[in-house]
């Protein structure tokens, strides 16, 4: 189906846009100072090129990636064209290449200005300003004496005589340090070079040599400008995903920018219902995104994910360990901020177009996934206890995808049941007896065993088959239903994950309240991120609270579910 202009909602920012077909094929890649204005021009009644109407009619969607500047958009456009080789770009645009700065892979590396870097050489760029790239090379040669030509061992070559080359072919001592310094500057750490130039500029100013001072000032500007252009192509992110996040009220968006071989390959946007915890929202998306794909070597995140999530990502990665970072400065930080910028644009875009229907759409998608008529009324159960103390359960309700807190219920277990299965069976049975309307889905926080126990109890009342029942296990977010293969929830099943997590939050809140009536707040409950189930594991492992008080970090880490970060929190809580 041809792209409809009325359905487009592009931001007025710089970036690239991609005309795409249903099968994923990229038909055209373009850049824009203002994405909204530029793409709108393709729908003009008098297009400036004959191919444009055909391009618009053949495309099914227009995607975009926001950049921090028009020059970055220019660079990214060239990279995406080289990757995808869109058929319409060859018809509508030239194939101009852009320059790089490279360091050759030789015994005594050379610095080169080139449009076609040799495989294996270190490279930076491409640079839209060729003149600036050349001036940076000249400056690096004059400051450090790195060579640019193969003099083939000629003693006393001209470049050496005028101070542009240290002459490593004559005397190699100190040349590796020179190469290291130049590499550091090109990697973005130009502080030493800039400070040296600033001192030189100050000296010239004090000597009233204002023209020389102005030239040095221009040199500083050139270095800063050239180094800042490297975000789009960097040897730092050879296999890297940058995670961006933004929210408005209860709407959120997670954007994943994927970079490989130094080039941003593309992005994926995930709109979601945000409940206030950034780490939780991001973790929810990542568990979906990487369920059926291998995580990258490096993951750049906006906030800590927690030990369990990091462990899961490492397991998905396999033998090669994943590196998870929250970068604060440098190129990686710039890349992650770009992801934030795209997430911000996306959440505003969805807010304008969805008109309050995001939750309903999520419910509809989930119903389609489970082959149900609707998912407008969902009830979810969860249980909580600590060594049999204050055994409680709770149920939450989602109406058309949104929490209906008026229908939230809490239960105290009345029988002597100590295991979660029998406790849940008792609570659901009590719910049945008071229920006047059956849900579109009854959801349980648990696995296949929970499903079988509750189904057997429903048979006793002749209700088996009256409404669908499912159990959602936390391991890989696997959903179990009778007579069906387990489903690993992806994007379309996110509503069920939210329901399970909301039930878990609600029952733990009630459990703390019940215990607080009997005694002062347990010191363990004051530790952020330490829930009822982890507290229970700690008490079982140490046989009581005294053992926890005096345990070392290594001893705490032996408890199932307690990683190093949480162990440190517990230790510091009791030991100052």
Protein backbone atom coordinates (compact mmCIF):
# COMPACT_ATOMS: atom_id res chain seq x y z
CA UNK A 1 0.00 0.00 0.00
CA UNK A 2 1.47 3.42 -0.96
CA UNK A 3 2.63 5.71 1.83
CA UNK A 4 -0.06 8.18 2.91
CA UNK A 5 1.13 11.66 3.78
CA UNK A 6 -1.67 12.16 6.32
CA UNK A 7 -0.35 9.27 8.44
CA UNK A 8 3.21 10.58 8.55
CA UNK A 9 4.33 12.33 11.71
CA UNK A 10 8.01 13.14 11.32
CA UNK A 11 9.94 15.51 13.59
CA UNK A 12 11.33 18.85 12.50
CA UNK A 13 14.89 17.65 13.27
CA UNK A 14 17.95 16.77 11.24
CA UNK A 15 18.39 13.13 10.32
CA UNK A 16 17.99 10.50 7.61
CA UNK A 17 14.80 9.00 6.19
CA UNK A 18 14.31 5.61 4.57
CA UNK A 19 11.58 4.59 2.10
CA UNK A 20 10.88 0.94 2.91
CA UNK A 21 8.75 -1.88 1.47
CA UNK A 22 6.72 -4.42 3.46
CA UNK A 23 9.37 -7.10 2.88
CA UNK A 24 11.95 -4.88 4.61
CA UNK A 25 13.73 -3.80 1.44
CA UNK A 26 15.14 -0.23 1.55
CA UNK A 27 14.23 1.64 -1.63
CA UNK A 28 15.71 5.06 -0.91
CA UNK A 29 17.84 6.76 1.76
CA UNK A 30 17.95 10.53 2.09
CA UNK A 31 19.19 13.17 4.53
CA UNK A 32 17.44 16.28 5.79
CA UNK A 33 18.05 19.34 7.91
CA UNK A 34 14.33 19.18 8.71
CA UNK A 35 12.87 15.69 8.28
CA UNK A 36 9.26 16.87 8.33
CA UNK A 37 9.70 19.49 5.59
CA UNK A 38 11.94 17.36 3.40
CA UNK A 39 9.69 14.28 3.36
CA UNK A 40 6.62 16.46 2.82
CA UNK A 41 8.20 17.70 -0.44
CA UNK A 42 7.95 14.17 -1.90
CA UNK A 43 4.16 14.51 -1.89
CA UNK A 44 4.15 17.75 -3.86
CA UNK A 45 1.86 17.90 -6.89
CA UNK A 46 4.86 19.08 -8.93
CA UNK A 47 7.84 16.96 -7.88
CA UNK A 48 11.23 18.13 -9.11
CA UNK A 49 12.24 14.64 -10.32
CA UNK A 50 10.30 12.15 -12.40
CA UNK A 51 11.15 9.14 -10.24
CA UNK A 52 9.58 10.55 -7.05
CA UNK A 53 5.89 9.61 -7.69
CA UNK A 54 6.98 6.05 -8.50
CA UNK A 55 9.10 5.89 -5.32
CA UNK A 56 6.20 7.10 -3.14
CA UNK A 57 3.74 4.62 -4.70
CA UNK A 58 6.15 1.65 -4.35
CA UNK A 59 7.04 2.31 -0.68
CA UNK A 60 4.94 1.02 2.24
CA UNK A 61 6.52 3.04 5.04
CA UNK A 62 8.97 5.84 5.77
CA UNK A 63 11.34 5.38 8.72
CA UNK A 64 13.75 7.91 10.17
CA UNK A 65 16.80 8.25 12.44
CA UNK A 66 17.31 11.61 14.15
CA UNK A 67 20.90 12.89 14.31
CA UNK A 68 22.45 15.65 16.38
CA UNK A 69 23.42 17.77 13.36
CA UNK A 70 22.97 17.97 9.55
CA UNK A 71 26.61 16.92 9.07
CA UNK A 72 25.96 13.71 11.01
CA UNK A 73 22.90 13.13 8.83
CA UNK A 74 25.09 13.46 5.75
CA UNK A 75 27.57 10.88 7.05
CA UNK A 76 24.89 8.43 8.16
CA UNK A 77 23.13 8.73 4.81
CA UNK A 78 26.29 7.66 2.95
CA UNK A 79 26.84 4.71 5.27
CA UNK A 80 23.26 3.45 4.90
CA UNK A 81 23.42 3.83 1.12
CA UNK A 82 26.58 1.72 1.00
CA UNK A 83 25.00 -0.91 3.21
CA UNK A 84 21.55 -1.22 1.57
CA UNK A 85 22.36 -0.11 -2.04
CA UNK A 86 18.81 1.24 -2.57
CA UNK A 87 17.67 1.09 -6.20
CA UNK A 88 16.31 4.65 -6.25
CA UNK A 89 19.49 6.21 -4.85
CA UNK A 90 21.42 5.16 -7.94
CA UNK A 91 18.79 6.92 -10.05
CA UNK A 92 18.30 10.02 -7.96
CA UNK A 93 21.76 10.73 -6.47
CA UNK A 94 25.45 10.59 -7.29
CA UNK A 95 27.75 8.21 -5.48
CA UNK A 96 30.21 10.69 -4.06
CA UNK A 97 32.52 9.24 -1.44
CA UNK A 98 33.66 11.11 1.66
CA UNK A 99 37.14 11.32 3.15
CA UNK A 100 38.62 9.41 6.06
CA UNK A 101 41.70 9.83 8.22
CA UNK A 102 43.53 6.53 8.60
CA UNK A 103 46.62 5.13 10.32
CA UNK A 104 48.29 2.42 8.27
CA UNK A 105 48.97 -1.04 9.62
CA UNK A 106 52.78 -0.92 9.28
CA UNK A 107 55.82 -1.16 11.51
CA UNK A 108 55.96 2.65 11.48
CA UNK A 109 52.34 3.75 10.82
CA UNK A 110 51.58 6.65 8.49
CA UNK A 111 48.70 9.09 8.77
CA UNK A 112 46.73 9.41 5.54
CA UNK A 113 43.87 11.41 4.05
CA UNK A 114 41.90 8.99 1.86
CA UNK A 115 38.46 8.32 0.42
CA UNK A 116 39.11 4.57 0.24
CA UNK A 117 40.75 3.28 3.47
CA UNK A 118 42.71 0.05 3.21
CA UNK A 119 41.29 -2.98 5.01
CA UNK A 120 42.99 -3.44 8.40
CA UNK A 121 44.01 0.21 8.82
CA UNK A 122 42.64 2.22 11.74
CA UNK A 123 40.24 4.81 10.35
CA UNK A 124 38.18 7.80 11.46
CA UNK A 125 35.37 9.48 9.57
CA UNK A 126 33.93 9.92 7.03
CA UNK A 127 34.17 13.72 7.30
CA UNK A 128 31.79 16.02 5.42
CA UNK A 129 34.35 18.83 5.69
CA UNK A 130 37.35 17.58 3.70
CA UNK A 131 39.34 20.76 4.35
CA UNK A 132 39.00 20.37 8.12
CA UNK A 133 40.20 16.76 7.93
CA UNK A 134 43.31 17.83 5.98
CA UNK A 135 44.07 20.64 8.46
CA UNK A 136 43.85 18.18 11.36
CA UNK A 137 46.39 15.90 9.65
CA UNK A 138 48.75 18.84 9.13
CA UNK A 139 48.37 19.87 12.76
CA UNK A 140 49.02 16.33 14.06
CA UNK A 141 52.13 16.08 11.92
CA UNK A 142 53.50 19.41 13.12
CA UNK A 143 52.69 18.68 16.78
CA UNK A 144 53.75 15.02 16.97
CA UNK A 145 55.94 14.33 13.93
CA UNK A 146 53.96 11.36 12.64
CA UNK A 147 54.94 10.48 9.07
CA UNK A 148 52.60 10.59 6.06
CA UNK A 149 54.80 9.02 3.34
CA UNK A 150 56.88 5.93 2.92
CA UNK A 151 60.36 7.39 2.54
CA UNK A 152 61.82 3.88 2.17
CA UNK A 153 64.55 4.48 4.72
CA UNK A 154 66.01 7.65 3.18
CA UNK A 155 68.08 9.32 5.84
CA UNK A 156 67.40 12.97 6.42
CA UNK A 157 64.29 13.23 4.20
CA UNK A 158 62.76 16.66 3.64
CA UNK A 159 59.86 16.12 6.09
CA UNK A 160 62.33 15.24 8.84
CA UNK A 161 64.40 18.36 8.15
CA UNK A 162 61.38 20.70 8.45
CA UNK A 163 60.05 19.01 11.61
CA UNK A 164 57.00 17.20 10.16
CA UNK A 165 58.39 13.72 10.74
CA UNK A 166 60.39 12.23 13.63
CA UNK A 167 62.15 9.94 11.16
CA UNK A 168 61.39 6.49 12.64
CA UNK A 169 63.11 4.79 9.72
CA UNK A 170 66.34 6.45 10.93
CA UNK A 171 65.71 6.35 14.70
CA UNK A 172 62.55 4.48 15.79
CA UNK A 173 62.91 5.33 19.50
CA UNK A 174 59.78 7.04 20.86
CA UNK A 175 57.72 6.55 17.69
CA UNK A 176 55.20 4.06 19.25
CA UNK A 177 54.37 6.73 21.86
CA UNK A 178 53.78 9.25 19.05
CA UNK A 179 51.38 6.85 17.31
CA UNK A 180 49.58 6.27 20.61
CA UNK A 181 49.17 10.02 21.22
CA UNK A 182 47.83 10.63 17.69
CA UNK A 183 45.40 7.72 18.06
CA UNK A 184 44.16 9.14 21.35
CA UNK A 185 43.49 12.54 19.78
CA UNK A 186 41.60 11.03 16.85
CA UNK A 187 39.60 8.87 19.27
CA UNK A 188 38.24 12.05 20.76
CA UNK A 189 40.66 12.69 23.63
CA UNK A 190 42.12 15.87 22.20
CA UNK A 191 42.51 17.55 25.59
CA UNK A 192 46.33 17.45 25.65
CA UNK A 193 46.63 18.84 22.12
CA UNK A 194 44.04 21.58 22.73
CA UNK A 195 45.64 22.65 26.02
CA UNK A 196 49.03 22.86 24.27
CA UNK A 197 47.54 25.03 21.53
CA UNK A 198 45.74 27.23 24.08
CA UNK A 199 49.03 27.85 25.96
CA UNK A 200 50.68 28.74 22.66
CA UNK A 201 47.79 31.07 21.81
CA UNK A 202 48.08 32.81 25.21
CA UNK A 203 51.82 33.34 24.68
CA UNK A 204 51.24 34.92 21.27
CA UNK A 205 48.51 37.16 22.68
CA UNK A 206 50.76 38.37 25.51
CA UNK A 207 53.46 39.09 22.92
CA UNK A 208 50.86 41.14 20.99
CA UNK A 209 51.08 38.71 18.05
CA UNK A 210 47.34 38.74 17.52
CA UNK A 211 47.34 37.36 13.98
CA UNK A 212 49.34 34.28 15.09
CA UNK A 213 47.02 33.89 18.11
CA UNK A 214 43.99 34.00 15.80
CA UNK A 215 45.47 31.29 13.56
CA UNK A 216 46.02 29.05 16.62
CA UNK A 217 42.44 29.76 17.75
CA UNK A 218 41.23 28.58 14.34
CA UNK A 219 43.37 25.44 14.73
CA UNK A 220 41.63 24.66 18.05
CA UNK A 221 38.24 25.13 16.41
CA UNK A 222 39.25 22.80 13.56
CA UNK A 223 40.32 20.04 15.97
CA UNK A 224 37.12 20.33 18.01
CA UNK A 225 34.92 20.34 14.94
CA UNK A 226 36.63 17.40 13.27
CA UNK A 227 36.70 15.24 16.37
CA UNK A 228 32.99 15.91 17.03
CA UNK A 229 32.09 14.48 13.59
CA UNK A 230 33.09 10.96 14.51
CA UNK A 231 29.91 9.79 16.23
CA UNK A 232 28.47 8.21 13.08
CA UNK A 233 31.53 6.16 12.26
CA UNK A 234 33.81 4.96 15.00
CA UNK A 235 36.08 2.02 15.57
CA UNK A 236 34.83 2.03 19.17
CA UNK A 237 31.47 0.46 18.43
CA UNK A 238 32.24 -2.54 16.28
CA UNK A 239 29.28 -4.50 17.72
CA UNK A 240 27.23 -2.22 19.90
CA UNK A 241 23.60 -1.43 20.78
CA UNK A 242 22.76 1.95 22.30
CA UNK A 243 19.54 2.01 24.34
CA UNK A 244 17.57 5.24 24.50
CA UNK A 245 14.58 5.99 26.74
CA UNK A 246 11.99 8.75 27.01
CA UNK A 247 8.58 9.09 28.67
CA UNK A 248 5.57 11.40 28.92
CA UNK A 249 3.22 10.60 31.81
CA UNK A 250 2.49 6.85 31.49
CA UNK A 251 3.69 6.58 27.90
CA UNK A 252 7.24 5.58 27.19
CA UNK A 253 9.48 4.69 24.30
CA UNK A 254 12.67 2.65 24.08
CA UNK A 255 14.88 3.08 21.01
CA UNK A 256 17.67 0.65 20.15
CA UNK A 257 20.38 1.92 17.80
CA UNK A 258 22.49 -0.91 16.42
CA UNK A 259 26.05 -0.21 15.29
CA UNK A 260 28.39 -2.72 13.67
CA UNK A 261 31.80 -2.32 12.07
CA UNK A 262 31.74 1.30 13.16
CA UNK A 263 28.53 2.15 11.31
CA UNK A 264 25.02 2.73 12.65
CA UNK A 265 23.00 0.01 10.93
CA UNK A 266 19.51 1.18 11.90
CA UNK A 267 17.07 1.48 14.79
CA UNK A 268 14.11 -0.27 16.42
CA UNK A 269 11.45 1.63 18.39
CA UNK A 270 9.35 0.11 21.17
CA UNK A 271 6.39 2.16 22.47
CA UNK A 272 5.27 0.99 25.89
CA UNK A 273 3.22 1.74 28.99
CA UNK A 274 5.64 3.26 31.51
CA UNK A 275 4.95 2.81 35.24
CA UNK A 276 7.68 5.08 36.58
CA UNK A 277 10.71 2.76 36.80
CA UNK A 278 13.12 3.34 33.88
CA UNK A 279 15.17 0.22 34.59
CA UNK A 280 12.03 -1.92 34.66
CA UNK A 281 10.69 -0.50 31.38
CA UNK A 282 14.05 -0.89 29.62
CA UNK A 283 14.55 -4.43 30.98
CA UNK A 284 11.07 -5.40 29.74
CA UNK A 285 11.94 -4.27 26.20
CA UNK A 286 15.39 -5.87 26.22
CA UNK A 287 13.99 -9.24 27.33
CA UNK A 288 11.68 -9.09 24.32
CA UNK A 289 14.24 -7.72 21.85
CA UNK A 290 16.94 -10.29 22.62
CA UNK A 291 14.71 -13.32 23.16
CA UNK A 292 15.35 -14.57 19.64
CA UNK A 293 18.57 -12.73 18.80
CA UNK A 294 22.09 -12.63 20.20
CA UNK A 295 22.96 -9.55 22.27
CA UNK A 296 25.87 -7.43 21.00
CA UNK A 297 29.37 -7.29 22.43
CA UNK A 298 28.65 -3.89 24.05
CA UNK A 299 25.35 -2.61 25.42
CA UNK A 300 24.95 1.07 26.30
CA UNK A 301 22.10 1.63 28.75
CA UNK A 302 20.48 4.68 30.43
CA UNK A 303 20.24 3.16 33.94
CA UNK A 304 21.27 -0.03 35.80
CA UNK A 305 19.40 -3.18 34.77
CA UNK A 306 19.89 -5.35 37.84
CA UNK A 307 21.88 -8.55 38.32
CA UNK A 308 19.27 -10.96 37.01
CA UNK A 309 18.80 -9.09 33.74
CA UNK A 310 22.54 -8.72 33.17
CA UNK A 311 23.01 -12.42 33.88
CA UNK A 312 20.27 -13.31 31.36
CA UNK A 313 21.87 -11.12 28.68
CA UNK A 314 25.27 -12.72 29.30
CA UNK A 315 23.74 -16.18 28.97
CA UNK A 316 22.08 -15.17 25.70
CA UNK A 317 25.40 -13.78 24.47
CA UNK A 318 27.14 -17.13 25.10
CA UNK A 319 30.88 -17.66 25.49
CA UNK A 320 31.90 -14.10 24.72
CA UNK A 321 31.04 -11.87 27.70
CA UNK A 322 28.72 -8.91 27.13
CA UNK A 323 29.97 -5.50 28.28
CA UNK A 324 27.20 -3.36 29.78
CA UNK A 325 28.00 0.36 30.22
CA UNK A 326 26.34 3.61 31.28
CA UNK A 327 28.74 5.96 29.44
CA UNK A 328 29.09 9.48 30.80
CA UNK A 329 31.48 10.99 28.25
CA UNK A 330 33.16 10.33 24.91
CA UNK A 331 31.83 8.80 21.72
CA UNK A 332 29.83 6.06 23.37
CA UNK A 333 28.00 8.64 25.49
CA UNK A 334 27.21 10.64 22.34
CA UNK A 335 25.82 7.55 20.66
CA UNK A 336 23.63 6.71 23.63
CA UNK A 337 22.35 10.30 23.81
CA UNK A 338 21.43 10.02 20.14
CA UNK A 339 19.33 6.98 21.08
CA UNK A 340 17.65 9.07 23.80
CA UNK A 341 16.89 11.78 21.26
CA UNK A 342 15.23 9.28 18.93
CA UNK A 343 13.22 7.81 21.82
CA UNK A 344 12.06 11.33 22.78
CA UNK A 345 10.85 12.01 19.25
CA UNK A 346 9.15 8.62 19.10
CA UNK A 347 7.23 8.98 22.37
CA UNK A 348 5.91 12.41 21.29
CA UNK A 349 4.98 10.99 17.91
CA UNK A 350 3.00 8.10 19.40
CA UNK A 351 1.37 10.39 21.92
CA UNK A 352 -0.04 12.54 19.12
CA UNK A 353 -1.20 9.70 16.89
CA UNK A 354 -2.49 7.12 19.35
CA UNK A 355 -4.99 9.41 21.14
CA UNK A 356 -5.06 7.32 24.29
CA UNK A 357 -5.34 3.97 22.45
CA UNK A 358 -1.89 2.54 23.25
CA UNK A 359 -3.23 0.29 26.01
CA UNK A 360 -6.16 -0.87 23.91
CA UNK A 361 -3.83 -1.62 20.99
CA UNK A 362 -1.64 -3.65 23.34
CA UNK A 363 -4.72 -5.62 24.48
CA UNK A 364 -5.79 -6.22 20.88
CA UNK A 365 -2.30 -7.38 19.88
CA UNK A 366 -2.23 -9.78 22.81
CA UNK A 367 -5.66 -11.19 21.93
CA UNK A 368 -4.49 -11.78 18.39
CA UNK A 369 -1.35 -13.55 19.65
CA UNK A 370 -3.38 -15.93 21.84
CA UNK A 371 -6.12 -16.33 19.20
CA UNK A 372 -8.78 -14.92 21.54
CA UNK A 373 -11.73 -12.71 20.63
CA UNK A 374 -10.66 -9.97 23.03
CA UNK A 375 -8.39 -9.17 25.95
CA UNK A 376 -10.40 -6.32 27.48
CA UNK A 377 -10.80 -7.99 30.88
CA UNK A 378 -7.72 -9.71 32.35
CA UNK A 379 -7.34 -10.97 35.93
CA UNK A 380 -3.90 -11.91 37.26
CA UNK A 381 -2.98 -13.66 40.56
CA UNK A 382 0.24 -13.76 42.59
CA UNK A 383 1.19 -15.01 46.09
CA UNK A 384 3.67 -13.91 48.80
CA UNK A 385 5.02 -15.35 52.06
CA UNK A 386 8.23 -15.59 54.08
CA UNK A 387 8.74 -18.98 55.73
CA UNK A 388 5.00 -19.36 56.18
CA UNK A 389 4.65 -15.92 57.79
CA UNK A 390 1.69 -13.78 56.66
CA UNK A 391 0.68 -15.97 53.71
CA UNK A 392 -1.20 -13.67 51.33
CA UNK A 393 -2.40 -13.46 47.75
CA UNK A 394 -3.64 -10.71 45.45
CA UNK A 395 -5.40 -10.23 42.15
CA UNK A 396 -5.21 -7.27 39.78
CA UNK A 397 -7.47 -6.40 36.84
CA UNK A 398 -6.63 -4.83 33.48
CA UNK A 399 -9.59 -3.26 31.68
CA UNK A 400 -8.84 -2.59 28.01
CA UNK A 401 -5.16 -2.69 28.82
CA UNK A 402 -5.23 -0.25 31.76
CA UNK A 403 -5.07 -1.10 35.49
CA UNK A 404 -8.53 -1.02 37.07
CA UNK A 405 -7.54 -0.50 40.71
CA UNK A 406 -11.14 -0.51 41.95
CA UNK A 407 -11.18 -4.23 41.19
CA UNK A 408 -7.84 -5.07 42.84
CA UNK A 409 -8.29 -7.62 45.63
CA UNK A 410 -6.15 -8.98 48.48
CA UNK A 411 -6.49 -12.31 50.30
CA UNK A 412 -5.16 -13.86 53.50
CA UNK A 413 -4.62 -17.60 53.19
CA UNK A 414 -6.97 -19.29 55.72
CA UNK A 415 -5.86 -22.94 55.41
CA UNK A 416 -2.58 -24.47 56.58
CA UNK A 417 -1.22 -24.53 53.01
CA UNK A 418 2.46 -23.50 52.93
CA UNK A 419 3.38 -23.95 49.27
CA UNK A 420 2.50 -21.43 46.54
CA UNK A 421 0.47 -23.96 44.55
CA UNK A 422 -2.03 -24.80 47.28
CA UNK A 423 -2.14 -21.20 48.45
CA UNK A 424 -2.97 -19.97 44.94
CA UNK A 425 -5.58 -22.71 44.49
CA UNK A 426 -7.34 -21.57 47.70
CA UNK A 427 -7.27 -17.90 46.71
CA UNK A 428 -8.55 -18.47 43.14
CA UNK A 429 -11.31 -20.71 44.50
CA UNK A 430 -12.48 -17.94 46.84
CA UNK A 431 -12.40 -15.49 43.92
CA UNK A 432 -14.56 -17.85 41.83
CA UNK A 433 -17.33 -17.96 44.42
CA UNK A 434 -17.81 -14.19 44.37
CA UNK A 435 -17.25 -13.59 40.66
CA UNK A 436 -20.26 -12.48 38.59
CA UNK A 437 -18.45 -11.97 35.27
CA UNK A 438 -15.79 -14.23 33.74
CA UNK A 439 -12.59 -12.67 32.41
CA UNK A 440 -11.24 -12.86 28.88
CA UNK A 441 -8.12 -14.41 30.47
CA UNK A 442 -7.17 -15.66 33.93
CA UNK A 443 -3.39 -15.20 34.30
CA UNK A 444 -1.20 -16.84 36.95
CA UNK A 445 2.29 -15.83 38.06
CA UNK A 446 3.93 -19.23 37.69
CA UNK A 447 4.75 -22.07 35.34
CA UNK A 448 3.18 -25.15 33.86
CA UNK A 449 2.60 -26.74 37.29
CA UNK A 450 0.53 -23.75 38.46
CA UNK A 451 -1.57 -24.03 35.31
CA UNK A 452 -2.32 -27.73 35.92
CA UNK A 453 -3.27 -27.21 39.59
CA UNK A 454 -5.67 -24.33 38.88
CA UNK A 455 -7.21 -26.13 35.88
CA UNK A 456 -7.90 -29.18 38.07
CA UNK A 457 -9.57 -26.96 40.66
CA UNK A 458 -11.78 -25.35 37.97
CA UNK A 459 -12.93 -28.79 36.85
CA UNK A 460 -14.43 -29.31 40.32
CA UNK A 461 -16.81 -26.41 39.66
CA UNK A 462 -17.54 -27.35 36.06
CA UNK A 463 -15.78 -24.22 34.84
CA UNK A 464 -13.01 -25.80 32.82
CA UNK A 465 -13.17 -24.26 29.36
CA UNK A 466 -15.51 -21.46 30.47
CA UNK A 467 -12.64 -18.93 30.17
CA UNK A 468 -8.98 -19.22 29.09
CA UNK A 469 -6.30 -19.78 31.75
CA UNK A 470 -2.58 -19.13 31.32
CA UNK A 471 0.56 -19.13 33.50
CA UNK A 472 3.48 -16.80 32.83
CA UNK A 473 6.92 -17.99 33.94
CA UNK A 474 9.65 -15.38 34.42
CA UNK A 475 12.25 -17.53 32.64
CA UNK A 476 12.37 -16.04 29.14
CA UNK A 477 8.79 -14.77 29.72
CA UNK A 478 7.28 -18.11 28.69
CA UNK A 479 3.48 -18.37 28.59
CA UNK A 480 1.83 -21.76 29.21
CA UNK A 481 -1.73 -22.65 28.13
CA UNK A 482 -3.49 -26.03 28.00
CA UNK A 483 -3.12 -28.02 24.79
CA UNK A 484 -0.80 -25.39 23.28
CA UNK A 485 2.90 -25.10 22.76
CA UNK A 486 4.61 -22.67 25.17
CA UNK A 487 4.88 -19.13 23.81
CA UNK A 488 7.91 -16.92 24.45
CA UNK A 489 6.31 -13.49 24.64
CA UNK A 490 7.52 -10.90 22.21
CA UNK A 491 6.28 -7.40 21.50
CA UNK A 492 2.66 -8.37 20.97
CA UNK A 493 2.47 -10.08 24.38
CA UNK A 494 3.89 -7.29 26.48
CA UNK A 495 0.51 -6.63 28.12
CA UNK A 496 0.72 -9.96 29.98
CA UNK A 497 4.18 -9.15 31.30
CA UNK A 498 2.85 -5.84 32.64
CA UNK A 499 -0.09 -7.65 34.27
CA UNK A 500 2.20 -10.20 35.96
CA UNK A 501 4.60 -7.49 37.20
CA UNK A 502 1.73 -5.35 38.51
CA UNK A 503 0.28 -8.33 40.44
CA UNK A 504 3.74 -9.02 41.88
CA UNK A 505 4.11 -5.40 43.02
CA UNK A 506 0.62 -5.29 44.53
CA UNK A 507 0.88 -8.56 46.52
CA UNK A 508 4.30 -7.61 47.92
CA UNK A 509 2.95 -4.24 49.03
CA UNK A 510 0.09 -5.97 50.84
CA UNK A 511 2.46 -8.52 52.36
CA UNK A 512 4.66 -5.79 53.85
CA UNK A 513 1.59 -4.05 55.21
CA UNK A 514 0.35 -7.23 56.93
CA UNK A 515 3.70 -7.92 58.52
CA UNK A 516 4.05 -4.29 59.59
CA UNK A 517 0.98 -4.68 61.76
CA UNK A 518 2.68 -7.41 63.75
CA UNK A 519 6.11 -5.89 64.15
CA UNK A 520 8.34 -3.03 63.17
CA UNK A 521 9.53 -2.99 59.57
CA UNK A 522 12.08 -5.70 58.90
CA UNK A 523 15.49 -4.08 58.21
CA UNK A 524 15.78 -6.26 55.10
CA UNK A 525 12.69 -4.60 53.62
CA UNK A 526 14.43 -1.24 53.75
CA UNK A 527 16.92 -2.42 51.10
CA UNK A 528 15.95 -1.23 47.63
CA UNK A 529 15.38 -4.04 45.14
CA UNK A 530 15.14 -6.77 47.80
CA UNK A 531 11.69 -8.33 47.48
CA UNK A 532 9.84 -10.95 49.50
CA UNK A 533 11.14 -13.95 47.57
CA UNK A 534 14.79 -12.91 47.94
CA UNK A 535 14.27 -12.24 51.65
CA UNK A 536 12.81 -15.71 51.98
CA UNK A 537 15.86 -17.22 50.22
CA UNK A 538 18.19 -15.33 52.59
CA UNK A 539 16.35 -16.52 55.69
CA UNK A 540 16.35 -20.12 54.51
CA UNK A 541 20.03 -20.05 53.65
CA UNK A 542 21.22 -18.47 56.95
CA UNK A 543 18.54 -19.92 59.21
CA UNK A 544 17.44 -16.51 60.48
CA UNK A 545 18.30 -12.81 60.54
CA UNK A 546 21.34 -13.05 62.81
CA UNK A 547 23.25 -14.99 60.18
CA UNK A 548 22.49 -12.33 57.57
CA UNK A 549 23.66 -9.52 59.88
CA UNK A 550 27.17 -11.00 60.15
CA UNK A 551 27.56 -12.46 56.65
CA UNK A 552 30.30 -11.30 54.29
CA UNK A 553 29.66 -10.22 50.69
CA UNK A 554 31.00 -13.54 49.37
CA UNK A 555 28.77 -15.49 51.77
CA UNK A 556 25.72 -13.45 50.73
CA UNK A 557 26.46 -14.14 47.05
CA UNK A 558 26.04 -17.88 47.68
CA UNK A 559 22.28 -17.33 48.17
CA UNK A 560 20.27 -18.05 44.98
CA UNK A 561 19.21 -14.82 43.29
CA UNK A 562 21.69 -12.60 45.19
CA UNK A 563 24.35 -11.11 42.92
CA UNK A 564 27.39 -9.05 43.85
CA UNK A 565 25.61 -5.69 43.65
CA UNK A 566 22.74 -6.81 45.91
CA UNK A 567 25.16 -8.59 48.30
CA UNK A 568 27.09 -5.34 48.67
CA UNK A 569 23.85 -3.42 49.38
CA UNK A 570 22.89 -5.91 52.12
CA UNK A 571 26.36 -5.91 53.66
CA UNK A 572 26.60 -2.11 53.71
CA UNK A 573 23.09 -1.83 55.14
CA UNK A 574 24.08 -3.83 58.24
CA UNK A 575 27.71 -2.74 58.48
CA UNK A 576 27.56 0.92 57.64
